[in-house]
Amino acid sequence: MSAAGKYRDRVQIQSRTDPAARDDHGRPVDAWTTRTTHWANVQDTDASEQQFGDGVSEIPTHTVTIRYYAGLNGTYRLKWGTRIFNILGVTNPDGKKIDHVVKCIEEVATS
């Protein structure tokens, strides 16, 4: 597959805005801003939770491959259309800073 065909989805890399921001009632505001938009390959991988003994562990629901983005880590999130993916882990598989493979779990809408 050519490099161009490898990336067919557009994702936004987002970071939290100022954590000191508050709403009218003084509660912290959980707001995000888009840092950049990247071409990506988004793939479903598995269910979101698995039972281990007395606890539940999250497992990735999606694997997203993007071009390398310096500093990408679990404090960021990805937005794909209207869907939000919280980052569980980021790897640079070949060590050459060409691609990032991002393991994510999709945020579930509460409304």
N, C-alpha and C. Protein backbone atom coordinates (compact mmCIF):
# COMPACT_ATOMS: atom_id res chain seq x y z
N MET A 1 0.85 -1.18 0.00
CA MET A 1 0.00 0.00 0.00
C MET A 1 0.89 1.23 0.00
N SER A 2 0.55 2.22 -0.82
CA SER A 2 1.33 3.44 -0.87
C SER A 2 1.11 4.25 0.40
N ALA A 3 2.04 5.18 0.68
CA ALA A 3 1.91 6.04 1.87
C ALA A 3 0.63 6.84 1.81
N ALA A 4 0.25 7.30 0.62
CA ALA A 4 -0.97 8.10 0.49
C ALA A 4 -2.21 7.27 0.83
N GLY A 5 -2.23 6.01 0.41
CA GLY A 5 -3.38 5.15 0.68
C GLY A 5 -3.45 4.66 2.12
N LYS A 6 -2.34 4.75 2.82
CA LYS A 6 -2.27 4.30 4.20
C LYS A 6 -3.12 5.18 5.12
N TYR A 7 -3.20 6.46 4.82
CA TYR A 7 -3.92 7.42 5.66
C TYR A 7 -5.13 7.93 4.90
N ARG A 8 -6.33 7.51 5.33
CA ARG A 8 -7.54 7.92 4.61
C ARG A 8 -8.54 8.65 5.51
N ASP A 9 -8.22 8.79 6.80
CA ASP A 9 -9.10 9.46 7.76
C ASP A 9 -8.43 10.73 8.26
N ARG A 10 -9.23 11.74 8.60
CA ARG A 10 -8.68 12.97 9.18
C ARG A 10 -9.02 12.99 10.66
N VAL A 11 -8.01 13.14 11.51
CA VAL A 11 -8.23 13.24 12.95
C VAL A 11 -7.63 14.54 13.46
N GLN A 12 -8.27 15.09 14.47
CA GLN A 12 -7.75 16.27 15.15
C GLN A 12 -7.01 15.81 16.40
N ILE A 13 -5.84 16.37 16.63
CA ILE A 13 -5.11 16.12 17.86
C ILE A 13 -5.46 17.29 18.78
N GLN A 14 -6.06 16.97 19.94
CA GLN A 14 -6.55 18.01 20.83
C GLN A 14 -5.87 17.93 22.19
N SER A 15 -5.74 19.11 22.82
CA SER A 15 -5.22 19.19 24.19
C SER A 15 -6.20 19.99 25.04
N ARG A 16 -6.11 19.78 26.34
CA ARG A 16 -6.99 20.52 27.26
C ARG A 16 -6.64 22.01 27.22
N THR A 17 -7.68 22.82 27.42
CA THR A 17 -7.46 24.25 27.54
C THR A 17 -7.05 24.54 28.98
N ASP A 18 -6.91 25.79 29.32
CA ASP A 18 -6.48 26.24 30.64
C ASP A 18 -7.27 25.54 31.75
N PRO A 19 -6.60 24.74 32.60
CA PRO A 19 -7.32 24.02 33.65
C PRO A 19 -7.88 24.96 34.73
N ALA A 20 -7.46 26.22 34.73
CA ALA A 20 -7.96 27.16 35.72
C ALA A 20 -9.31 27.76 35.30
N ALA A 21 -9.73 27.47 34.06
CA ALA A 21 -11.00 28.02 33.58
C ALA A 21 -12.16 27.45 34.41
N ARG A 22 -13.11 28.31 34.74
CA ARG A 22 -14.27 27.92 35.56
C ARG A 22 -15.56 28.36 34.89
N ASP A 23 -16.65 27.62 35.15
CA ASP A 23 -17.95 28.02 34.64
C ASP A 23 -18.57 29.05 35.59
N ASP A 24 -19.81 29.44 35.35
CA ASP A 24 -20.49 30.44 36.16
C ASP A 24 -20.69 30.01 37.60
N HIS A 25 -20.59 28.71 37.86
CA HIS A 25 -20.78 28.19 39.21
C HIS A 25 -19.46 27.86 39.89
N GLY A 26 -18.34 28.21 39.25
CA GLY A 26 -17.03 27.98 39.84
C GLY A 26 -16.46 26.59 39.63
N ARG A 27 -17.14 25.76 38.84
CA ARG A 27 -16.66 24.40 38.56
C ARG A 27 -15.63 24.45 37.42
N PRO A 28 -14.63 23.57 37.49
CA PRO A 28 -13.65 23.52 36.40
C PRO A 28 -14.32 23.20 35.07
N VAL A 29 -13.86 23.82 34.01
CA VAL A 29 -14.40 23.58 32.67
C VAL A 29 -13.48 22.60 31.95
N ASP A 30 -14.06 21.51 31.46
CA ASP A 30 -13.30 20.52 30.71
C ASP A 30 -13.44 20.86 29.23
N ALA A 31 -12.54 21.69 28.74
CA ALA A 31 -12.61 22.13 27.35
C ALA A 31 -11.32 21.73 26.62
N TRP A 32 -11.45 21.53 25.31
CA TRP A 32 -10.34 21.06 24.49
C TRP A 32 -10.14 22.01 23.32
N THR A 33 -8.91 22.07 22.84
CA THR A 33 -8.59 22.86 21.66
C THR A 33 -7.82 21.98 20.67
N THR A 34 -8.06 22.20 19.40
CA THR A 34 -7.38 21.43 18.36
C THR A 34 -6.00 22.02 18.12
N ARG A 35 -4.97 21.20 18.27
CA ARG A 35 -3.59 21.62 18.02
C ARG A 35 -3.23 21.50 16.54
N THR A 36 -3.68 20.40 15.93
CA THR A 36 -3.37 20.14 14.53
C THR A 36 -4.33 19.08 14.00
N THR A 37 -4.41 18.96 12.71
CA THR A 37 -5.20 17.92 12.06
C THR A 37 -4.25 17.07 11.24
N HIS A 38 -4.38 15.76 11.37
CA HIS A 38 -3.48 14.82 10.69
C HIS A 38 -4.30 13.81 9.88
N TRP A 39 -3.70 13.36 8.77
CA TRP A 39 -4.24 12.20 8.08
C TRP A 39 -3.92 10.99 8.93
N ALA A 40 -4.84 10.04 8.97
CA ALA A 40 -4.68 8.88 9.85
C ALA A 40 -5.34 7.65 9.25
N ASN A 41 -5.08 6.53 9.89
CA ASN A 41 -5.76 5.28 9.59
C ASN A 41 -6.40 4.82 10.90
N VAL A 42 -7.72 4.89 11.00
CA VAL A 42 -8.45 4.53 12.21
C VAL A 42 -9.02 3.13 12.04
N GLN A 43 -8.71 2.23 13.00
CA GLN A 43 -9.18 0.85 12.93
C GLN A 43 -9.82 0.45 14.26
N ASP A 44 -10.98 -0.23 14.17
CA ASP A 44 -11.58 -0.85 15.36
C ASP A 44 -10.67 -1.98 15.81
N THR A 45 -10.58 -2.17 17.13
CA THR A 45 -9.76 -3.29 17.61
C THR A 45 -10.52 -4.24 18.52
N ASP A 46 -11.23 -3.74 19.54
CA ASP A 46 -11.82 -4.66 20.51
C ASP A 46 -12.85 -3.95 21.37
N ALA A 47 -13.40 -4.69 22.34
CA ALA A 47 -14.33 -4.12 23.31
C ALA A 47 -13.59 -3.21 24.27
N SER A 48 -14.33 -2.42 25.06
CA SER A 48 -13.69 -1.39 25.86
C SER A 48 -13.31 -1.80 27.28
N GLU A 49 -13.88 -2.86 27.84
CA GLU A 49 -13.54 -3.25 29.20
C GLU A 49 -13.40 -4.76 29.29
N GLN A 50 -12.54 -5.18 30.22
CA GLN A 50 -12.37 -6.61 30.44
C GLN A 50 -12.21 -6.83 31.93
N GLN A 51 -12.84 -7.87 32.46
CA GLN A 51 -12.80 -8.19 33.88
C GLN A 51 -11.51 -8.93 34.20
N PHE A 52 -10.77 -8.43 35.21
CA PHE A 52 -9.57 -9.09 35.69
C PHE A 52 -9.67 -9.19 37.20
N GLY A 53 -9.94 -10.40 37.73
CA GLY A 53 -10.09 -10.57 39.18
C GLY A 53 -11.22 -9.71 39.70
N ASP A 54 -10.90 -8.85 40.65
CA ASP A 54 -11.90 -7.96 41.25
C ASP A 54 -12.04 -6.63 40.51
N GLY A 55 -11.25 -6.41 39.48
CA GLY A 55 -11.26 -5.11 38.81
C GLY A 55 -11.59 -5.21 37.33
N VAL A 56 -11.83 -4.06 36.78
CA VAL A 56 -12.10 -3.94 35.35
C VAL A 56 -10.95 -3.15 34.73
N SER A 57 -10.43 -3.62 33.63
CA SER A 57 -9.34 -2.95 32.95
C SER A 57 -9.80 -2.51 31.57
N GLU A 58 -9.41 -1.30 31.19
CA GLU A 58 -9.75 -0.82 29.85
C GLU A 58 -8.77 -1.40 28.84
N ILE A 59 -9.30 -1.82 27.73
CA ILE A 59 -8.44 -2.25 26.63
C ILE A 59 -8.78 -1.38 25.43
N PRO A 60 -7.84 -1.20 24.54
CA PRO A 60 -8.08 -0.29 23.41
C PRO A 60 -9.28 -0.72 22.57
N THR A 61 -10.05 0.27 22.11
CA THR A 61 -11.15 0.01 21.20
C THR A 61 -10.77 0.36 19.77
N HIS A 62 -9.73 1.19 19.63
CA HIS A 62 -9.28 1.62 18.30
C HIS A 62 -7.77 1.74 18.28
N THR A 63 -7.21 1.48 17.13
CA THR A 63 -5.80 1.74 16.88
C THR A 63 -5.76 2.78 15.77
N VAL A 64 -5.06 3.88 16.03
CA VAL A 64 -4.97 4.97 15.06
C VAL A 64 -3.50 5.13 14.69
N THR A 65 -3.20 5.04 13.41
CA THR A 65 -1.84 5.27 12.93
C THR A 65 -1.80 6.63 12.26
N ILE A 66 -0.86 7.47 12.71
CA ILE A 66 -0.71 8.82 12.14
C ILE A 66 0.77 9.08 11.89
N ARG A 67 1.05 10.12 11.16
CA ARG A 67 2.42 10.59 11.03
C ARG A 67 2.90 11.03 12.40
N TYR A 68 4.18 10.89 12.65
CA TYR A 68 4.78 11.25 13.94
C TYR A 68 4.41 12.67 14.34
N TYR A 69 4.02 12.85 15.62
CA TYR A 69 3.71 14.16 16.19
C TYR A 69 4.46 14.26 17.52
N ALA A 70 5.52 15.05 17.55
CA ALA A 70 6.38 15.15 18.73
C ALA A 70 5.57 15.50 19.98
N GLY A 71 5.81 14.76 21.03
CA GLY A 71 5.18 15.02 22.31
C GLY A 71 3.82 14.38 22.51
N LEU A 72 3.31 13.67 21.52
CA LEU A 72 1.99 13.05 21.64
C LEU A 72 2.01 12.04 22.79
N ASN A 73 1.03 12.17 23.70
CA ASN A 73 0.93 11.27 24.85
C ASN A 73 -0.50 11.23 25.35
N GLY A 74 -0.73 10.60 26.47
CA GLY A 74 -2.07 10.40 27.02
C GLY A 74 -2.76 11.65 27.53
N THR A 75 -2.08 12.79 27.55
CA THR A 75 -2.75 14.03 27.95
C THR A 75 -3.53 14.62 26.78
N TYR A 76 -3.30 14.13 25.58
CA TYR A 76 -4.02 14.55 24.39
C TYR A 76 -5.20 13.61 24.15
N ARG A 77 -6.04 13.98 23.21
CA ARG A 77 -7.09 13.09 22.72
C ARG A 77 -7.19 13.30 21.22
N LEU A 78 -7.87 12.35 20.55
CA LEU A 78 -8.09 12.46 19.12
C LEU A 78 -9.58 12.64 18.87
N LYS A 79 -9.90 13.45 17.88
CA LYS A 79 -11.29 13.64 17.48
C LYS A 79 -11.39 13.24 16.01
N TRP A 80 -12.32 12.34 15.73
CA TRP A 80 -12.53 11.84 14.37
C TRP A 80 -13.98 12.09 14.03
N GLY A 81 -14.26 13.11 13.26
CA GLY A 81 -15.63 13.52 13.00
C GLY A 81 -16.24 13.99 14.30
N THR A 82 -17.31 13.32 14.74
CA THR A 82 -17.93 13.67 16.02
C THR A 82 -17.50 12.73 17.14
N ARG A 83 -16.65 11.77 16.82
CA ARG A 83 -16.22 10.76 17.80
C ARG A 83 -14.94 11.20 18.50
N ILE A 84 -14.87 10.88 19.80
CA ILE A 84 -13.73 11.26 20.63
C ILE A 84 -13.01 10.00 21.09
N PHE A 85 -11.67 10.01 20.98
CA PHE A 85 -10.85 8.89 21.40
C PHE A 85 -9.83 9.35 22.45
N ASN A 86 -9.94 8.80 23.65
CA ASN A 86 -8.96 9.07 24.70
C ASN A 86 -7.76 8.17 24.47
N ILE A 87 -6.58 8.75 24.57
CA ILE A 87 -5.34 8.03 24.28
C ILE A 87 -4.90 7.22 25.49
N LEU A 88 -4.69 5.92 25.28
CA LEU A 88 -4.19 5.03 26.32
C LEU A 88 -2.68 4.82 26.20
N GLY A 89 -2.16 4.85 24.98
CA GLY A 89 -0.74 4.65 24.77
C GLY A 89 -0.32 5.06 23.37
N VAL A 90 0.93 5.48 23.25
CA VAL A 90 1.49 5.93 21.98
C VAL A 90 2.83 5.25 21.77
N THR A 91 3.02 4.64 20.59
CA THR A 91 4.31 4.03 20.29
C THR A 91 4.83 4.58 18.97
N ASN A 92 6.14 4.54 18.84
CA ASN A 92 6.85 4.91 17.62
C ASN A 92 7.50 3.60 17.17
N PRO A 93 6.75 2.77 16.41
CA PRO A 93 7.14 1.37 16.20
C PRO A 93 8.51 1.13 15.59
N ASP A 94 8.95 1.97 14.68
CA ASP A 94 10.25 1.71 14.06
C ASP A 94 11.36 2.56 14.67
N GLY A 95 11.02 3.44 15.62
CA GLY A 95 12.02 4.28 16.27
C GLY A 95 12.58 5.38 15.40
N LYS A 96 12.01 5.56 14.21
CA LYS A 96 12.55 6.54 13.26
C LYS A 96 11.75 7.83 13.21
N LYS A 97 10.77 7.99 14.09
CA LYS A 97 9.92 9.18 14.14
C LYS A 97 9.21 9.43 12.81
N ILE A 98 8.69 8.34 12.23
CA ILE A 98 7.92 8.44 10.99
C ILE A 98 6.43 8.34 11.30
N ASP A 99 6.05 7.32 12.07
CA ASP A 99 4.65 7.09 12.43
C ASP A 99 4.49 6.98 13.94
N HIS A 100 3.28 7.25 14.39
CA HIS A 100 2.85 6.92 15.74
C HIS A 100 1.71 5.92 15.62
N VAL A 101 1.72 4.91 16.46
CA VAL A 101 0.59 4.01 16.59
C VAL A 101 -0.03 4.34 17.94
N VAL A 102 -1.30 4.75 17.91
CA VAL A 102 -1.99 5.26 19.09
C VAL A 102 -3.10 4.29 19.48
N LYS A 103 -3.03 3.75 20.69
CA LYS A 103 -4.09 2.88 21.22
C LYS A 103 -5.07 3.78 21.96
N CYS A 104 -6.34 3.66 21.62
CA CYS A 104 -7.36 4.56 22.15
C CYS A 104 -8.57 3.81 22.66
N ILE A 105 -9.34 4.50 23.47
CA ILE A 105 -10.65 4.02 23.89
C ILE A 105 -11.65 5.13 23.56
N GLU A 106 -12.73 4.75 22.92
CA GLU A 106 -13.72 5.74 22.52
C GLU A 106 -14.54 6.22 23.71
N GLU A 107 -14.69 7.52 23.80
CA GLU A 107 -15.52 8.11 24.84
C GLU A 107 -16.98 7.82 24.53
N VAL A 108 -17.73 7.43 25.54
CA VAL A 108 -19.14 7.11 25.36
C VAL A 108 -19.97 8.35 25.68
N ALA A 109 -20.85 8.71 24.76
CA ALA A 109 -21.71 9.87 24.98
C ALA A 109 -22.62 9.60 26.16
N THR A 110 -22.77 10.62 27.03
CA THR A 110 -23.61 10.47 28.21
C THR A 110 -24.98 11.09 28.06
N SER A 111 -25.24 11.72 26.92
CA SER A 111 -26.57 12.34 26.73
C SER A 111 -27.27 11.75 25.53
